[in-house]
Amino acid sequence: MQVINVISRKQLCKQLGISRSTIKRWIKNRSFPEPLKASGREPLFDLNEVETWFSKNGGSK
């Protein structure tokens, strides 16, 4: 069984000090990882994909 580490959009915004709109813009314009398909009302992101994106794009959490 595969274990996936996830982070909610709300947690991500709080940790990074950004808005929901910023995440949406990053997804559209900067190839930020899409939320998991079955994540429901509060989008969930694969934490490993998010960390990889930041390492490739020069950012840090």
PDB file of N, CA and C in Angstrom:
ATOM      1  N   MET A   1       0.838  -1.182   0.000  1.00  0.00           N
ATOM      2  CA  MET A   1       0.000   0.000   0.000  1.00  0.00           C
ATOM      3  C   MET A   1       0.889   1.253   0.000  1.00  0.00           C
ATOM      4  N   GLN A   2       0.562   2.184  -0.857  1.00  0.00           N
ATOM      5  CA  GLN A   2       1.347   3.413  -0.982  1.00  0.00           C
ATOM      6  C   GLN A   2       0.825   4.469  -0.006  1.00  0.00           C
ATOM      7  N   VAL A   3       1.742   5.117   0.682  1.00  0.00           N
ATOM      8  CA  VAL A   3       1.389   6.185   1.606  1.00  0.00           C
ATOM      9  C   VAL A   3       1.721   7.511   0.936  1.00  0.00           C
ATOM     10  N   ILE A   4       0.758   8.410   0.934  1.00  0.00           N
ATOM     11  CA  ILE A   4       0.960   9.724   0.329  1.00  0.00           C
ATOM     12  C   ILE A   4       0.879  10.777   1.425  1.00  0.00           C
ATOM     13  N   ASN A   5       1.898  11.595   1.518  1.00  0.00           N
ATOM     14  CA  ASN A   5       1.874  12.725   2.446  1.00  0.00           C
ATOM     15  C   ASN A   5       1.129  13.855   1.763  1.00  0.00           C
ATOM     16  N   VAL A   6       0.117  14.399   2.434  1.00  0.00           N
ATOM     17  CA  VAL A   6      -0.669  15.467   1.837  1.00  0.00           C
ATOM     18  C   VAL A   6      -0.654  16.702   2.725  1.00  0.00           C
ATOM     19  N   ILE A   7      -0.947  17.824   2.093  1.00  0.00           N
ATOM     20  CA  ILE A   7      -1.098  19.079   2.810  1.00  0.00           C
ATOM     21  C   ILE A   7      -2.315  19.779   2.221  1.00  0.00           C
ATOM     22  N   SER A   8      -3.146  20.337   3.081  1.00  0.00           N
ATOM     23  CA  SER A   8      -4.338  21.041   2.596  1.00  0.00           C
ATOM     24  C   SER A   8      -3.938  22.413   2.054  1.00  0.00           C
ATOM     25  N   ARG A   9      -4.797  22.944   1.219  1.00  0.00           N
ATOM     26  CA  ARG A   9      -4.533  24.286   0.678  1.00  0.00           C
ATOM     27  C   ARG A   9      -4.460  25.299   1.813  1.00  0.00           C
ATOM     28  N   LYS A  10      -5.317  25.137   2.800  1.00  0.00           N
ATOM     29  CA  LYS A  10      -5.339  26.061   3.934  1.00  0.00           C
ATOM     30  C   LYS A  10      -4.002  26.037   4.681  1.00  0.00           C
ATOM     31  N   GLN A  11      -3.473  24.840   4.945  1.00  0.00           N
ATOM     32  CA  GLN A  11      -2.178  24.707   5.620  1.00  0.00           C
ATOM     33  C   GLN A  11      -1.054  25.282   4.769  1.00  0.00           C
ATOM     34  N   LEU A  12      -1.104  25.007   3.474  1.00  0.00           N
ATOM     35  CA  LEU A  12      -0.087  25.503   2.553  1.00  0.00           C
ATOM     36  C   LEU A  12      -0.061  27.033   2.551  1.00  0.00           C
ATOM     37  N   CYS A  13      -1.230  27.635   2.448  1.00  0.00           N
ATOM     38  CA  CYS A  13      -1.321  29.100   2.455  1.00  0.00           C
ATOM     39  C   CYS A  13      -0.772  29.673   3.757  1.00  0.00           C
ATOM     40  N   LYS A  14      -1.127  29.047   4.872  1.00  0.00           N
ATOM     41  CA  LYS A  14      -0.676  29.537   6.174  1.00  0.00           C
ATOM     42  C   LYS A  14       0.844  29.431   6.304  1.00  0.00           C
ATOM     43  N   GLN A  15       1.417  28.291   5.913  1.00  0.00           N
ATOM     44  CA  GLN A  15       2.866  28.092   6.024  1.00  0.00           C
ATOM     45  C   GLN A  15       3.649  29.058   5.154  1.00  0.00           C
ATOM     46  N   LEU A  16       3.117  29.339   3.965  1.00  0.00           N
ATOM     47  CA  LEU A  16       3.837  30.182   3.010  1.00  0.00           C
ATOM     48  C   LEU A  16       3.474  31.659   3.107  1.00  0.00           C
ATOM     49  N   GLY A  17       2.386  31.968   3.819  1.00  0.00           N
ATOM     50  CA  GLY A  17       1.939  33.350   3.919  1.00  0.00           C
ATOM     51  C   GLY A  17       1.399  33.877   2.605  1.00  0.00           C
ATOM     52  N   ILE A  18       0.674  33.011   1.880  1.00  0.00           N
ATOM     53  CA  ILE A  18       0.107  33.394   0.586  1.00  0.00           C
ATOM     54  C   ILE A  18      -1.395  33.149   0.586  1.00  0.00           C
ATOM     55  N   SER A  19      -2.067  33.654  -0.440  1.00  0.00           N
ATOM     56  CA  SER A  19      -3.512  33.492  -0.550  1.00  0.00           C
ATOM     57  C   SER A  19      -3.875  32.312  -1.453  1.00  0.00           C
ATOM     58  N   ARG A  20      -5.152  31.938  -1.398  1.00  0.00           N
ATOM     59  CA  ARG A  20      -5.666  30.897  -2.294  1.00  0.00           C
ATOM     60  C   ARG A  20      -5.480  31.314  -3.744  1.00  0.00           C
ATOM     61  N   SER A  21      -5.672  32.585  -4.020  1.00  0.00           N
ATOM     62  CA  SER A  21      -5.517  33.093  -5.386  1.00  0.00           C
ATOM     63  C   SER A  21      -4.102  32.891  -5.906  1.00  0.00           C
ATOM     64  N   THR A  22      -3.116  33.045  -5.023  1.00  0.00           N
ATOM     65  CA  THR A  22      -1.722  32.849  -5.422  1.00  0.00           C
ATOM     66  C   THR A  22      -1.495  31.407  -5.846  1.00  0.00           C
ATOM     67  N   ILE A  23      -2.028  30.462  -5.077  1.00  0.00           N
ATOM     68  CA  ILE A  23      -1.873  29.057  -5.445  1.00  0.00           C
ATOM     69  C   ILE A  23      -2.537  28.788  -6.786  1.00  0.00           C
ATOM     70  N   LYS A  24      -3.730  29.304  -6.996  1.00  0.00           N
ATOM     71  CA  LYS A  24      -4.416  29.120  -8.279  1.00  0.00           C
ATOM     72  C   LYS A  24      -3.599  29.699  -9.424  1.00  0.00           C
ATOM     73  N   ARG A  25      -3.009  30.855  -9.199  1.00  0.00           N
ATOM     74  CA  ARG A  25      -2.180  31.503 -10.228  1.00  0.00           C
ATOM     75  C   ARG A  25      -0.928  30.672 -10.506  1.00  0.00           C
ATOM     76  N   TRP A  26      -0.302  30.128  -9.453  1.00  0.00           N
ATOM     77  CA  TRP A  26       0.883  29.293  -9.631  1.00  0.00           C
ATOM     78  C   TRP A  26       0.549  28.039 -10.425  1.00  0.00           C
ATOM     79  N   ILE A  27      -0.612  27.452 -10.158  1.00  0.00           N
ATOM     80  CA  ILE A  27      -1.025  26.256 -10.906  1.00  0.00           C
ATOM     81  C   ILE A  27      -1.180  26.602 -12.387  1.00  0.00           C
ATOM     82  N   LYS A  28      -1.806  27.730 -12.649  1.00  0.00           N
ATOM     83  CA  LYS A  28      -2.084  28.131 -14.033  1.00  0.00           C
ATOM     84  C   LYS A  28      -0.827  28.590 -14.781  1.00  0.00           C
ATOM     85  N   ASN A  29       0.016  29.374 -14.112  1.00  0.00           N
ATOM     86  CA  ASN A  29       1.122  30.035 -14.807  1.00  0.00           C
ATOM     87  C   ASN A  29       2.521  29.508 -14.499  1.00  0.00           C
ATOM     88  N   ARG A  30       2.679  28.738 -13.411  1.00  0.00           N
ATOM     89  CA  ARG A  30       4.029  28.360 -12.996  1.00  0.00           C
ATOM     90  C   ARG A  30       4.191  26.855 -12.778  1.00  0.00           C
ATOM     91  N   SER A  31       3.266  26.078 -13.301  1.00  0.00           N
ATOM     92  CA  SER A  31       3.344  24.608 -13.221  1.00  0.00           C
ATOM     93  C   SER A  31       3.370  24.070 -11.799  1.00  0.00           C
ATOM     94  N   PHE A  32       2.705  24.767 -10.877  1.00  0.00           N
ATOM     95  CA  PHE A  32       2.590  24.257  -9.508  1.00  0.00           C
ATOM     96  C   PHE A  32       1.744  22.986  -9.539  1.00  0.00           C
ATOM     97  N   PRO A  33       2.042  22.007  -8.683  1.00  0.00           N
ATOM     98  CA  PRO A  33       1.279  20.745  -8.702  1.00  0.00           C
ATOM     99  C   PRO A  33      -0.224  20.957  -8.495  1.00  0.00           C
ATOM    100  N   GLU A  34      -1.002  20.257  -9.286  1.00  0.00           N
ATOM    101  CA  GLU A  34      -2.465  20.289  -9.161  1.00  0.00           C
ATOM    102  C   GLU A  34      -2.880  19.590  -7.869  1.00  0.00           C
ATOM    103  N   PRO A  35      -4.021  19.980  -7.284  1.00  0.00           N
ATOM    104  CA  PRO A  35      -4.508  19.245  -6.114  1.00  0.00           C
ATOM    105  C   PRO A  35      -4.885  17.821  -6.517  1.00  0.00           C
ATOM    106  N   LEU A  36      -4.887  16.938  -5.551  1.00  0.00           N
ATOM    107  CA  LEU A  36      -5.274  15.557  -5.804  1.00  0.00           C
ATOM    108  C   LEU A  36      -6.727  15.521  -6.264  1.00  0.00           C
ATOM    109  N   LYS A  37      -7.040  14.657  -7.200  1.00  0.00           N
ATOM    110  CA  LYS A  37      -8.361  14.632  -7.849  1.00  0.00           C
ATOM    111  C   LYS A  37      -9.519  14.412  -6.892  1.00  0.00           C
ATOM    112  N   ALA A  38      -9.386  13.520  -5.938  1.00  0.00           N
ATOM    113  CA  ALA A  38     -10.504  13.185  -5.057  1.00  0.00           C
ATOM    114  C   ALA A  38     -10.400  13.885  -3.709  1.00  0.00           C
ATOM    115  N   SER A  39      -9.820  15.072  -3.684  1.00  0.00           N
ATOM    116  CA  SER A  39      -9.577  15.721  -2.402  1.00  0.00           C
ATOM    117  C   SER A  39     -10.789  16.456  -1.845  1.00  0.00           C
ATOM    118  N   GLY A  40     -11.858  16.590  -2.611  1.00  0.00           N
ATOM    119  CA  GLY A  40     -13.090  17.166  -2.078  1.00  0.00           C
ATOM    120  C   GLY A  40     -13.077  18.672  -1.995  1.00  0.00           C
ATOM    121  N   ARG A  41     -13.811  19.166  -1.004  1.00  0.00           N
ATOM    122  CA  ARG A  41     -14.034  20.602  -0.877  1.00  0.00           C
ATOM    123  C   ARG A  41     -12.759  21.381  -0.539  1.00  0.00           C
ATOM    124  N   GLU A  42     -11.957  20.853   0.358  1.00  0.00           N
ATOM    125  CA  GLU A  42     -10.678  21.491   0.701  1.00  0.00           C
ATOM    126  C   GLU A  42      -9.580  20.771  -0.058  1.00  0.00           C
ATOM    127  N   PRO A  43      -9.062  21.389  -1.115  1.00  0.00           N
ATOM    128  CA  PRO A  43      -8.053  20.726  -1.944  1.00  0.00           C
ATOM    129  C   PRO A  43      -6.847  20.256  -1.134  1.00  0.00           C
ATOM    130  N   LEU A  44      -6.395  19.064  -1.465  1.00  0.00           N
ATOM    131  CA  LEU A  44      -5.213  18.475  -0.853  1.00  0.00           C
ATOM    132  C   LEU A  44      -4.135  18.335  -1.912  1.00  0.00           C
ATOM    133  N   PHE A  45      -2.913  18.628  -1.514  1.00  0.00           N
ATOM    134  CA  PHE A  45      -1.778  18.548  -2.415  1.00  0.00           C
ATOM    135  C   PHE A  45      -0.823  17.486  -1.919  1.00  0.00           C
ATOM    136  N   ASP A  46      -0.169  16.807  -2.858  1.00  0.00           N
ATOM    137  CA  ASP A  46       0.856  15.835  -2.520  1.00  0.00           C
ATOM    138  C   ASP A  46       2.072  16.624  -2.028  1.00  0.00           C
ATOM    139  N   LEU A  47       2.411  16.437  -0.772  1.00  0.00           N
ATOM    140  CA  LEU A  47       3.494  17.211  -0.163  1.00  0.00           C
ATOM    141  C   LEU A  47       4.824  16.982  -0.858  1.00  0.00           C
ATOM    142  N   ASN A  48       5.090  15.769  -1.294  1.00  0.00           N
ATOM    143  CA  ASN A  48       6.348  15.493  -2.004  1.00  0.00           C
ATOM    144  C   ASN A  48       6.429  16.274  -3.307  1.00  0.00           C
ATOM    145  N   GLU A  49       5.325  16.360  -4.045  1.00  0.00           N
ATOM    146  CA  GLU A  49       5.307  17.131  -5.301  1.00  0.00           C
ATOM    147  C   GLU A  49       5.523  18.613  -5.027  1.00  0.00           C
ATOM    148  N   VAL A  50       4.905  19.122  -3.967  1.00  0.00           N
ATOM    149  CA  VAL A  50       5.052  20.541  -3.611  1.00  0.00           C
ATOM    150  C   VAL A  50       6.510  20.840  -3.248  1.00  0.00           C
ATOM    151  N   GLU A  51       7.115  19.976  -2.430  1.00  0.00           N
ATOM    152  CA  GLU A  51       8.512  20.188  -2.040  1.00  0.00           C
ATOM    153  C   GLU A  51       9.443  20.106  -3.247  1.00  0.00           C
ATOM    154  N   THR A  52       9.176  19.181  -4.155  1.00  0.00           N
ATOM    155  CA  THR A  52       9.971  19.067  -5.377  1.00  0.00           C
ATOM    156  C   THR A  52       9.840  20.341  -6.213  1.00  0.00           C
ATOM    157  N   TRP A  53       8.629  20.858  -6.344  1.00  0.00           N
ATOM    158  CA  TRP A  53       8.385  22.085  -7.113  1.00  0.00           C
ATOM    159  C   TRP A  53       9.205  23.241  -6.529  1.00  0.00           C
ATOM    160  N   PHE A  54       9.179  23.371  -5.196  1.00  0.00           N
ATOM    161  CA  PHE A  54       9.943  24.453  -4.576  1.00  0.00           C
ATOM    162  C   PHE A  54      11.436  24.291  -4.780  1.00  0.00           C
ATOM    163  N   SER A  55      11.940  23.072  -4.701  1.00  0.00           N
ATOM    164  CA  SER A  55      13.373  22.875  -4.893  1.00  0.00           C
ATOM    165  C   SER A  55      13.791  23.194  -6.326  1.00  0.00           C
ATOM    166  N   LYS A  56      12.940  22.897  -7.290  1.00  0.00           N
ATOM    167  CA  LYS A  56      13.258  23.178  -8.704  1.00  0.00           C
ATOM    168  C   LYS A  56      13.079  24.645  -9.053  1.00  0.00           C
ATOM    169  N   ASN A  57      12.240  25.355  -8.301  1.00  0.00           N
ATOM    170  CA  ASN A  57      11.931  26.745  -8.618  1.00  0.00           C
ATOM    171  C   ASN A  57      12.611  27.734  -7.673  1.00  0.00           C
ATOM    172  N   GLY A  58      13.577  27.258  -6.893  1.00  0.00           N
ATOM    173  CA  GLY A  58      14.371  28.166  -6.064  1.00  0.00           C
ATOM    174  C   GLY A  58      13.684  28.677  -4.822  1.00  0.00           C
ATOM    175  N   GLY A  59      12.544  28.129  -4.485  1.00  0.00           N
ATOM    176  CA  GLY A  59      11.841  28.592  -3.291  1.00  0.00           C
ATOM    177  C   GLY A  59      12.131  27.728  -2.102  1.00  0.00           C
ATOM    178  N   SER A  60      11.661  28.160  -0.968  1.00  0.00           N
ATOM    179  CA  SER A  60      11.758  27.347   0.233  1.00  0.00           C
ATOM    180  C   SER A  60      10.479  27.520   1.028  1.00  0.00           C
ATOM    181  N   LYS A  61      10.187  26.530   1.842  1.00  0.00           N
ATOM    182  CA  LYS A  61       8.965  26.592   2.644  1.00  0.00           C
ATOM    183  C   LYS A  61       9.184  27.466   3.856  1.00  0.00           C
TER     184      LYS A  61
END
